[in-house]
Amino acid sequence: MDEEYLPPPLIGKLADVDPALIVTPPVGMEAGYVPIVTRQGLE
């Protein structure tokens, strides 16, 4: 299939993902794991 479903934007750029937001799920919870932020702070 060579058709584009959604063409790229004509202005601006696509979003960037902060690598710090990529998490590894706990063992046994790999499928369907959705982390929920409950607090934020410095380590």
PDB file of N, CA and C in Angstrom:
ATOM      1  N   MET A   1       0.854  -1.175   0.000  1.00  0.00           N
ATOM      2  CA  MET A   1       0.000   0.000   0.000  1.00  0.00           C
ATOM      3  C   MET A   1       0.899   1.237   0.000  1.00  0.00           C
ATOM      4  N   ASP A   2       0.733   2.109  -0.961  1.00  0.00           N
ATOM      5  CA  ASP A   2       1.599   3.282  -1.074  1.00  0.00           C
ATOM      6  C   ASP A   2       0.869   4.596  -0.806  1.00  0.00           C
ATOM      7  N   GLU A   3      -0.340   4.532  -0.260  1.00  0.00           N
ATOM      8  CA  GLU A   3      -1.091   5.744   0.052  1.00  0.00           C
ATOM      9  C   GLU A   3      -0.810   6.170   1.489  1.00  0.00           C
ATOM     10  N   GLU A   4      -0.772   7.483   1.715  1.00  0.00           N
ATOM     11  CA  GLU A   4      -0.588   8.002   3.069  1.00  0.00           C
ATOM     12  C   GLU A   4      -1.948   8.108   3.745  1.00  0.00           C
ATOM     13  N   TYR A   5      -2.039   7.601   4.967  1.00  0.00           N
ATOM     14  CA  TYR A   5      -3.285   7.715   5.735  1.00  0.00           C
ATOM     15  C   TYR A   5      -3.480   9.162   6.194  1.00  0.00           C
ATOM     16  N   LEU A   6      -2.398   9.752   6.691  1.00  0.00           N
ATOM     17  CA  LEU A   6      -2.435  11.126   7.170  1.00  0.00           C
ATOM     18  C   LEU A   6      -1.146  11.799   6.710  1.00  0.00           C
ATOM     19  N   PRO A   7      -1.238  12.784   5.830  1.00  0.00           N
ATOM     20  CA  PRO A   7      -0.018  13.417   5.328  1.00  0.00           C
ATOM     21  C   PRO A   7       0.714  14.172   6.440  1.00  0.00           C
ATOM     22  N   PRO A   8       2.031  14.350   6.302  1.00  0.00           N
ATOM     23  CA  PRO A   8       2.784  15.099   7.307  1.00  0.00           C
ATOM     24  C   PRO A   8       2.330  16.565   7.338  1.00  0.00           C
ATOM     25  N   PRO A   9       2.551  17.262   8.452  1.00  0.00           N
ATOM     26  CA  PRO A   9       2.116  18.660   8.533  1.00  0.00           C
ATOM     27  C   PRO A   9       2.879  19.535   7.547  1.00  0.00           C
ATOM     28  N   LEU A  10       2.216  20.572   7.062  1.00  0.00           N
ATOM     29  CA  LEU A  10       2.861  21.505   6.130  1.00  0.00           C
ATOM     30  C   LEU A  10       3.676  22.551   6.869  1.00  0.00           C
ATOM     31  N   ILE A  11       3.322  22.833   8.124  1.00  0.00           N
ATOM     32  CA  ILE A  11       4.076  23.781   8.942  1.00  0.00           C
ATOM     33  C   ILE A  11       4.362  23.131  10.290  1.00  0.00           C
ATOM     34  N   GLY A  12       5.359  23.607  10.987  1.00  0.00           N
ATOM     35  CA  GLY A  12       5.699  23.065  12.297  1.00  0.00           C
ATOM     36  C   GLY A  12       6.359  21.708  12.184  1.00  0.00           C
ATOM     37  N   LYS A  13       6.377  20.962  13.275  1.00  0.00           N
ATOM     38  CA  LYS A  13       6.974  19.632  13.273  1.00  0.00           C
ATOM     39  C   LYS A  13       6.173  18.710  14.178  1.00  0.00           C
ATOM     40  N   LEU A  14       6.400  17.435  14.029  1.00  0.00           N
ATOM     41  CA  LEU A  14       5.727  16.465  14.880  1.00  0.00           C
ATOM     42  C   LEU A  14       6.279  16.548  16.293  1.00  0.00           C
ATOM     43  N   ALA A  15       5.563  16.023  17.245  1.00  0.00           N
ATOM     44  CA  ALA A  15       5.955  16.081  18.653  1.00  0.00           C
ATOM     45  C   ALA A  15       7.192  15.243  18.923  1.00  0.00           C
ATOM     46  N   ASP A  16       7.955  15.639  19.906  1.00  0.00           N
ATOM     47  CA  ASP A  16       9.090  14.866  20.404  1.00  0.00           C
ATOM     48  C   ASP A  16       8.665  14.172  21.687  1.00  0.00           C
ATOM     49  N   VAL A  17       9.226  13.000  21.955  1.00  0.00           N
ATOM     50  CA  VAL A  17       8.946  12.276  23.188  1.00  0.00           C
ATOM     51  C   VAL A  17      10.190  12.353  24.068  1.00  0.00           C
ATOM     52  N   ASP A  18      10.008  12.845  25.287  1.00  0.00           N
ATOM     53  CA  ASP A  18      11.112  12.930  26.245  1.00  0.00           C
ATOM     54  C   ASP A  18      11.489  11.509  26.650  1.00  0.00           C
ATOM     55  N   PRO A  19      12.758  11.106  26.456  1.00  0.00           N
ATOM     56  CA  PRO A  19      13.174   9.746  26.815  1.00  0.00           C
ATOM     57  C   PRO A  19      12.934   9.406  28.284  1.00  0.00           C
ATOM     58  N   ALA A  20      12.873  10.401  29.163  1.00  0.00           N
ATOM     59  CA  ALA A  20      12.630  10.152  30.581  1.00  0.00           C
ATOM     60  C   ALA A  20      11.205   9.665  30.829  1.00  0.00           C
ATOM     61  N   LEU A  21      10.325   9.842  29.840  1.00  0.00           N
ATOM     62  CA  LEU A  21       8.937   9.424  30.005  1.00  0.00           C
ATOM     63  C   LEU A  21       8.709   7.974  29.608  1.00  0.00           C
ATOM     64  N   ILE A  22       9.710   7.337  29.000  1.00  0.00           N
ATOM     65  CA  ILE A  22       9.590   5.945  28.588  1.00  0.00           C
ATOM     66  C   ILE A  22       9.912   5.078  29.811  1.00  0.00           C
ATOM     67  N   VAL A  23       8.973   4.260  30.225  1.00  0.00           N
ATOM     68  CA  VAL A  23       9.147   3.443  31.425  1.00  0.00           C
ATOM     69  C   VAL A  23       9.182   1.959  31.069  1.00  0.00           C
ATOM     70  N   THR A  24       9.790   1.176  31.932  1.00  0.00           N
ATOM     71  CA  THR A  24       9.810  -0.274  31.799  1.00  0.00           C
ATOM     72  C   THR A  24       8.817  -0.833  32.817  1.00  0.00           C
ATOM     73  N   PRO A  25       7.846  -1.609  32.362  1.00  0.00           N
ATOM     74  CA  PRO A  25       6.849  -2.130  33.299  1.00  0.00           C
ATOM     75  C   PRO A  25       7.445  -3.164  34.250  1.00  0.00           C
ATOM     76  N   PRO A  26       6.858  -3.307  35.426  1.00  0.00           N
ATOM     77  CA  PRO A  26       7.321  -4.322  36.369  1.00  0.00           C
ATOM     78  C   PRO A  26       7.131  -5.725  35.778  1.00  0.00           C
ATOM     79  N   VAL A  27       7.954  -6.651  36.203  1.00  0.00           N
ATOM     80  CA  VAL A  27       7.872  -8.039  35.733  1.00  0.00           C
ATOM     81  C   VAL A  27       6.471  -8.579  36.013  1.00  0.00           C
ATOM     82  N   GLY A  28       5.889  -9.213  35.019  1.00  0.00           N
ATOM     83  CA  GLY A  28       4.554  -9.779  35.149  1.00  0.00           C
ATOM     84  C   GLY A  28       3.437  -8.823  34.749  1.00  0.00           C
ATOM     85  N   MET A  29       3.793  -7.547  34.492  1.00  0.00           N
ATOM     86  CA  MET A  29       2.771  -6.563  34.115  1.00  0.00           C
ATOM     87  C   MET A  29       3.076  -5.961  32.747  1.00  0.00           C
ATOM     88  N   GLU A  30       3.787  -6.696  31.901  1.00  0.00           N
ATOM     89  CA  GLU A  30       4.220  -6.160  30.614  1.00  0.00           C
ATOM     90  C   GLU A  30       3.049  -5.850  29.675  1.00  0.00           C
ATOM     91  N   ALA A  31       1.991  -6.639  29.714  1.00  0.00           N
ATOM     92  CA  ALA A  31       0.845  -6.431  28.824  1.00  0.00           C
ATOM     93  C   ALA A  31      -0.185  -5.540  29.502  1.00  0.00           C
ATOM     94  N   GLY A  32      -0.484  -4.413  28.891  1.00  0.00           N
ATOM     95  CA  GLY A  32      -1.527  -3.532  29.396  1.00  0.00           C
ATOM     96  C   GLY A  32      -1.103  -2.608  30.519  1.00  0.00           C
ATOM     97  N   TYR A  33       0.185  -2.532  30.825  1.00  0.00           N
ATOM     98  CA  TYR A  33       0.670  -1.671  31.921  1.00  0.00           C
ATOM     99  C   TYR A  33       0.510  -0.208  31.540  1.00  0.00           C
ATOM    100  N   VAL A  34      -0.162   0.560  32.379  1.00  0.00           N
ATOM    101  CA  VAL A  34      -0.327   1.995  32.171  1.00  0.00           C
ATOM    102  C   VAL A  34       0.131   2.703  33.442  1.00  0.00           C
ATOM    103  N   PRO A  35       1.322   3.323  33.398  1.00  0.00           N
ATOM    104  CA  PRO A  35       1.794   4.026  34.596  1.00  0.00           C
ATOM    105  C   PRO A  35       0.981   5.296  34.832  1.00  0.00           C
ATOM    106  N   ILE A  36       0.701   5.598  36.092  1.00  0.00           N
ATOM    107  CA  ILE A  36      -0.045   6.801  36.454  1.00  0.00           C
ATOM    108  C   ILE A  36       0.822   7.604  37.410  1.00  0.00           C
ATOM    109  N   VAL A  37       1.065   8.852  37.057  1.00  0.00           N
ATOM    110  CA  VAL A  37       1.909   9.728  37.875  1.00  0.00           C
ATOM    111  C   VAL A  37       1.135  10.144  39.108  1.00  0.00           C
ATOM    112  N   THR A  38       1.729   9.931  40.283  1.00  0.00           N
ATOM    113  CA  THR A  38       1.084  10.354  41.532  1.00  0.00           C
ATOM    114  C   THR A  38       1.850  11.479  42.224  1.00  0.00           C
ATOM    115  N   ARG A  39       3.111  11.676  41.830  1.00  0.00           N
ATOM    116  CA  ARG A  39       3.906  12.784  42.380  1.00  0.00           C
ATOM    117  C   ARG A  39       5.099  13.023  41.472  1.00  0.00           C
ATOM    118  N   GLN A  40       5.757  14.159  41.684  1.00  0.00           N
ATOM    119  CA  GLN A  40       6.931  14.505  40.915  1.00  0.00           C
ATOM    120  C   GLN A  40       7.927  15.142  41.856  1.00  0.00           C
ATOM    121  N   GLY A  41       9.210  14.814  41.689  1.00  0.00           N
ATOM    122  CA  GLY A  41      10.237  15.395  42.528  1.00  0.00           C
ATOM    123  C   GLY A  41      11.608  14.986  42.073  1.00  0.00           C
ATOM    124  N   LEU A  42      12.624  15.546  42.703  1.00  0.00           N
ATOM    125  CA  LEU A  42      13.999  15.191  42.382  1.00  0.00           C
ATOM    126  C   LEU A  42      14.387  13.900  43.073  1.00  0.00           C
ATOM    127  N   GLU A  43      15.207  13.117  42.410  1.00  0.00           N
ATOM    128  CA  GLU A  43      15.699  11.886  43.047  1.00  0.00           C
ATOM    129  C   GLU A  43      16.856  12.181  43.955  1.00  0.00           C
TER     130      GLU A  43
END
